[in-house]
Amino acid sequence: MKKIYFLSDAHLGAWALEHRRTQERRLVSFLDKIKGDAAAIYMLGDMFDFWYEYKYVVPKGFTRFLGKVAELTDMGVEVHFFTGNHDQWCLDYFEKECGMIVHREPFLVELMGKEFFMAHGDEFADDWKYSIMRSMFRSKLLRFLFSTVHPRWSIWMGNSWAKHSMVQHKIKGDTPFMGEDKESCVQFAKRYLSKHSSVDCFIFGHRHCDEDMMLDGGARCILLGDWIYTFAYVVWDGKTISHERYVEGDDVKIVSQSE
């Protein structure tokens, strides 16, 4: 039987990672391993540390990853790409060139008899400063103005910002779980479940937190880890939802802000 896979937060191309090429190869190795039994793969945001797509220009790099994705979609595997807070500035390149299905909002879908609610997760942050920043990032006017900057400088600015963000938040492995009452995604899931009891499983990215819990009402809530340190993923085979980790290759580490 075919399976459905879920993963998030690879932050490919991150300037803050010393071994980013090794990290990309590990992700490609995983995708190659599952291509024979995958019916669909859901990538729940921040697969790139920074992606800004112009009408005729896309960022360089990511050849192995995008090539593998294209191979999968050519084989008939559905690859779903959720925009995250680091890679929301995409147009149609992923869809037209790589065959991905792009989601810019949370997504509710029935998969092999179970109802899944998926989102990157930054949408539910209760930090007012972050909410303002997110609104600015999604502003059509500000995106237009940013697109007038030559890629030589705009891509550099974006990657520099992303590196600063990763170092500032001190991402050093499995991010500590703050507790159900403080995790905004979990709180959202509880509120949503109170009005939509048919949901069987909530899956979120963004937090780099590898956590799996049952909510009142019987729904499962999973916070995916990342593909920097935890290499966590979820697989649904029609009978069991498994939360697993992929182990292969060398460790990657943060490069300090001064480097």
Foldseek 3Di string as FASTA:
>chain_A
DAKEKEAEALQQPQPQWPPSVQLLVLVLVVLVVRLVRHQEYEYAENNHLAWADDPPDTDDDPVSVLVSLLVSVVVNRAYEYEYDPRYLRDDCCCCPPRVYHYDDAWDWDDDLHAIEIEHQQLVQDPDVVVVVVSVLVPDPVNSVVLSVDPCVPSVVVSSLVSLCVCQVVPPDAAADDPDLVPRRSSVVVVVVCVVVLRHAEYEYEDPLHADWDADPSRHIYGYHHHSQHFQWMWMDDSPDIDIDHDDDDDHMGTHHSVD
